[in-house]
C-alpha atoms as a PDB file:
ATOM      1  CA  MET A   1     123.414  84.921 -35.631  1.00  0.00           C
ATOM      2  CA  ALA A   2     121.110  87.650 -35.957  1.00  0.00           C
ATOM      3  CA  GLN A   3     117.732  87.273 -34.686  1.00  0.00           C
ATOM      4  CA  SER A   4     114.683  88.689 -37.174  1.00  0.00           C
ATOM      5  CA  VAL A   5     112.141  89.750 -35.541  1.00  0.00           C
ATOM      6  CA  LEU A   6     108.498  91.088 -36.287  1.00  0.00           C
ATOM      7  CA  LEU A   7     107.125  94.164 -35.010  1.00  0.00           C
ATOM      8  CA  LYS A   8     104.067  95.970 -35.085  1.00  0.00           C
ATOM      9  CA  GLN A   9     104.058  98.935 -37.777  1.00  0.00           C
ATOM     10  CA  PRO A  10     103.230 102.357 -35.623  1.00  0.00           C
ATOM     11  CA  ASN A  11      99.585 103.397 -35.787  1.00  0.00           C
ATOM     12  CA  PRO A  12      99.091 105.255 -38.072  1.00  0.00           C
ATOM     13  CA  MET A  13      98.977 109.265 -37.559  1.00  0.00           C
ATOM     14  CA  VAL A  14      95.546 110.847 -35.989  1.00  0.00           C
ATOM     15  CA  MET A  15      94.319 113.086 -38.122  1.00  0.00           C
ATOM     16  CA  GLU A  16      92.066 114.746 -36.201  1.00  0.00           C
ATOM     17  CA  GLY A  17      92.708 117.278 -33.130  1.00  0.00           C
ATOM     18  CA  ASP A  18      96.099 119.205 -32.165  1.00  0.00           C
ATOM     19  CA  LEU A  19      97.762 117.826 -35.472  1.00  0.00           C
ATOM     20  CA  GLY A  20     101.212 119.057 -34.228  1.00  0.00           C
ATOM     21  CA  VAL A  21     100.993 116.995 -31.265  1.00  0.00           C
ATOM     22  CA  ASN A  22      99.799 113.427 -33.250  1.00  0.00           C
ATOM     23  CA  TRP A  23     102.879 114.496 -36.056  1.00  0.00           C
ATOM     24  CA  LYS A  24     105.182 114.207 -32.940  1.00  0.00           C
ATOM     25  CA  LYS A  25     103.880 111.104 -31.651  1.00  0.00           C
ATOM     26  CA  PHE A  26     104.190 109.332 -35.224  1.00  0.00           C
ATOM     27  CA  LYS A  27     107.057 110.611 -35.514  1.00  0.00           C
ATOM     28  CA  ASN A  28     108.289 109.025 -32.288  1.00  0.00           C
ATOM     29  CA  SER A  29     106.880 105.505 -32.795  1.00  0.00           C
ATOM     30  CA  PHE A  30     108.406 105.684 -36.821  1.00  0.00           C
ATOM     31  CA  LYS A  31     111.776 106.704 -35.661  1.00  0.00           C
ATOM     32  CA  LEU A  32     111.912 103.591 -32.804  1.00  0.00           C
ATOM     33  CA  TYR A  33     109.954 100.984 -35.658  1.00  0.00           C
ATOM     34  CA  ILE A  34     112.820 101.983 -38.267  1.00  0.00           C
ATOM     35  CA  THR A  35     115.529 101.722 -35.921  1.00  0.00           C
ATOM     36  CA  ALA A  36     114.426  98.494 -34.648  1.00  0.00           C
ATOM     37  CA  THR A  37     113.793  96.840 -37.692  1.00  0.00           C
ATOM     38  CA  GLY A  38     117.217  98.163 -39.319  1.00  0.00           C
ATOM     39  CA  TYR A  39     115.163 100.492 -41.958  1.00  0.00           C
ATOM     40  CA  ASN A  40     117.145 103.233 -40.572  1.00  0.00           C
ATOM     41  CA  GLU A  41     120.409 101.966 -42.516  1.00  0.00           C
ATOM     42  CA  LYS A  42     118.435 101.619 -45.534  1.00  0.00           C
ATOM     43  CA  ASP A  43     118.457 104.082 -48.339  1.00  0.00           C
ATOM     44  CA  ASP A  44     116.500 107.622 -48.176  1.00  0.00           C
ATOM     45  CA  ALA A  45     113.595 105.807 -50.709  1.00  0.00           C
ATOM     46  CA  VAL A  46     112.944 103.244 -48.836  1.00  0.00           C
ATOM     47  CA  GLN A  47     112.955 104.844 -45.436  1.00  0.00           C
ATOM     48  CA  ALA A  48     110.575 107.120 -47.459  1.00  0.00           C
ATOM     49  CA  ALA A  49     108.484 104.621 -48.761  1.00  0.00           C
ATOM     50  CA  VAL A  50     108.282 103.072 -44.829  1.00  0.00           C
ATOM     51  CA  LEU A  51     107.104 106.626 -43.609  1.00  0.00           C
ATOM     52  CA  LEU A  52     104.342 106.738 -46.566  1.00  0.00           C
ATOM     53  CA  HIS A  53     103.073 103.443 -46.077  1.00  0.00           C
ATOM     54  CA  THR A  54     102.751 104.014 -42.302  1.00  0.00           C
ATOM     55  CA  ILE A  55     101.443 107.145 -41.755  1.00  0.00           C
ATOM     56  CA  GLY A  56      98.064 105.901 -42.694  1.00  0.00           C
ATOM     57  CA  GLU A  57      95.519 106.933 -45.319  1.00  0.00           C
ATOM     58  CA  GLU A  58      94.375 110.264 -44.211  1.00  0.00           C
ATOM     59  CA  ALA A  59      97.638 111.709 -43.558  1.00  0.00           C
ATOM     60  CA  TYR A  60      99.173 110.215 -47.231  1.00  0.00           C
ATOM     61  CA  GLU A  61      96.229 111.800 -48.788  1.00  0.00           C
ATOM     62  CA  VAL A  62      97.430 115.055 -47.220  1.00  0.00           C
ATOM     63  CA  PHE A  63     100.953 114.119 -48.508  1.00  0.00           C
ATOM     64  CA  GLU A  64     100.311 113.597 -52.210  1.00  0.00           C
ATOM     65  CA  SER A  65      97.436 116.810 -52.447  1.00  0.00           C
ATOM     66  CA  LEU A  66     100.908 118.841 -51.613  1.00  0.00           C
ATOM     67  CA  GLY A  67     102.205 118.435 -55.046  1.00  0.00           C
ATOM     68  CA  ILE A  68     105.590 117.177 -54.166  1.00  0.00           C
ATOM     69  CA  SER A  69     107.492 115.500 -57.230  1.00  0.00           C
ATOM     70  CA  GLU A  70     108.202 111.841 -57.319  1.00  0.00           C
ATOM     71  CA  GLU A  71     112.015 112.874 -56.989  1.00  0.00           C
ATOM     72  CA  ASP A  72     111.412 114.636 -53.490  1.00  0.00           C
ATOM     73  CA  LYS A  73     109.590 111.935 -52.416  1.00  0.00           C
ATOM     74  CA  LYS A  74     112.092 109.530 -52.073  1.00  0.00           C
ATOM     75  CA  LYS A  75     113.606 111.770 -49.840  1.00  0.00           C
ATOM     76  CA  ILE A  76     113.732 111.591 -45.757  1.00  0.00           C
ATOM     77  CA  ARG A  77     115.132 114.620 -43.595  1.00  0.00           C
ATOM     78  CA  LYS A  78     117.241 112.772 -40.867  1.00  0.00           C
ATOM     79  CA  ASN A  79     116.211 114.926 -38.556  1.00  0.00           C
ATOM     80  CA  TYR A  80     112.258 115.342 -39.401  1.00  0.00           C
END
């Protein structure tokens, strides 16, 4: 029987300093999180929702300002 493990979600992306470095750090934590929780086996819409939920309020506000369609918000690039 598989054990269920509760993991703390990744810390939100830091929106100060070098955003490129901060994105890489967040992305690596996110990839570990979705793998450990099994979300990487879910469809793109679920993975995208988890990404947007975990990225943090400030980064999410920036994302929302980009004018991305509702359909595209449900997609996630596998290679980030």
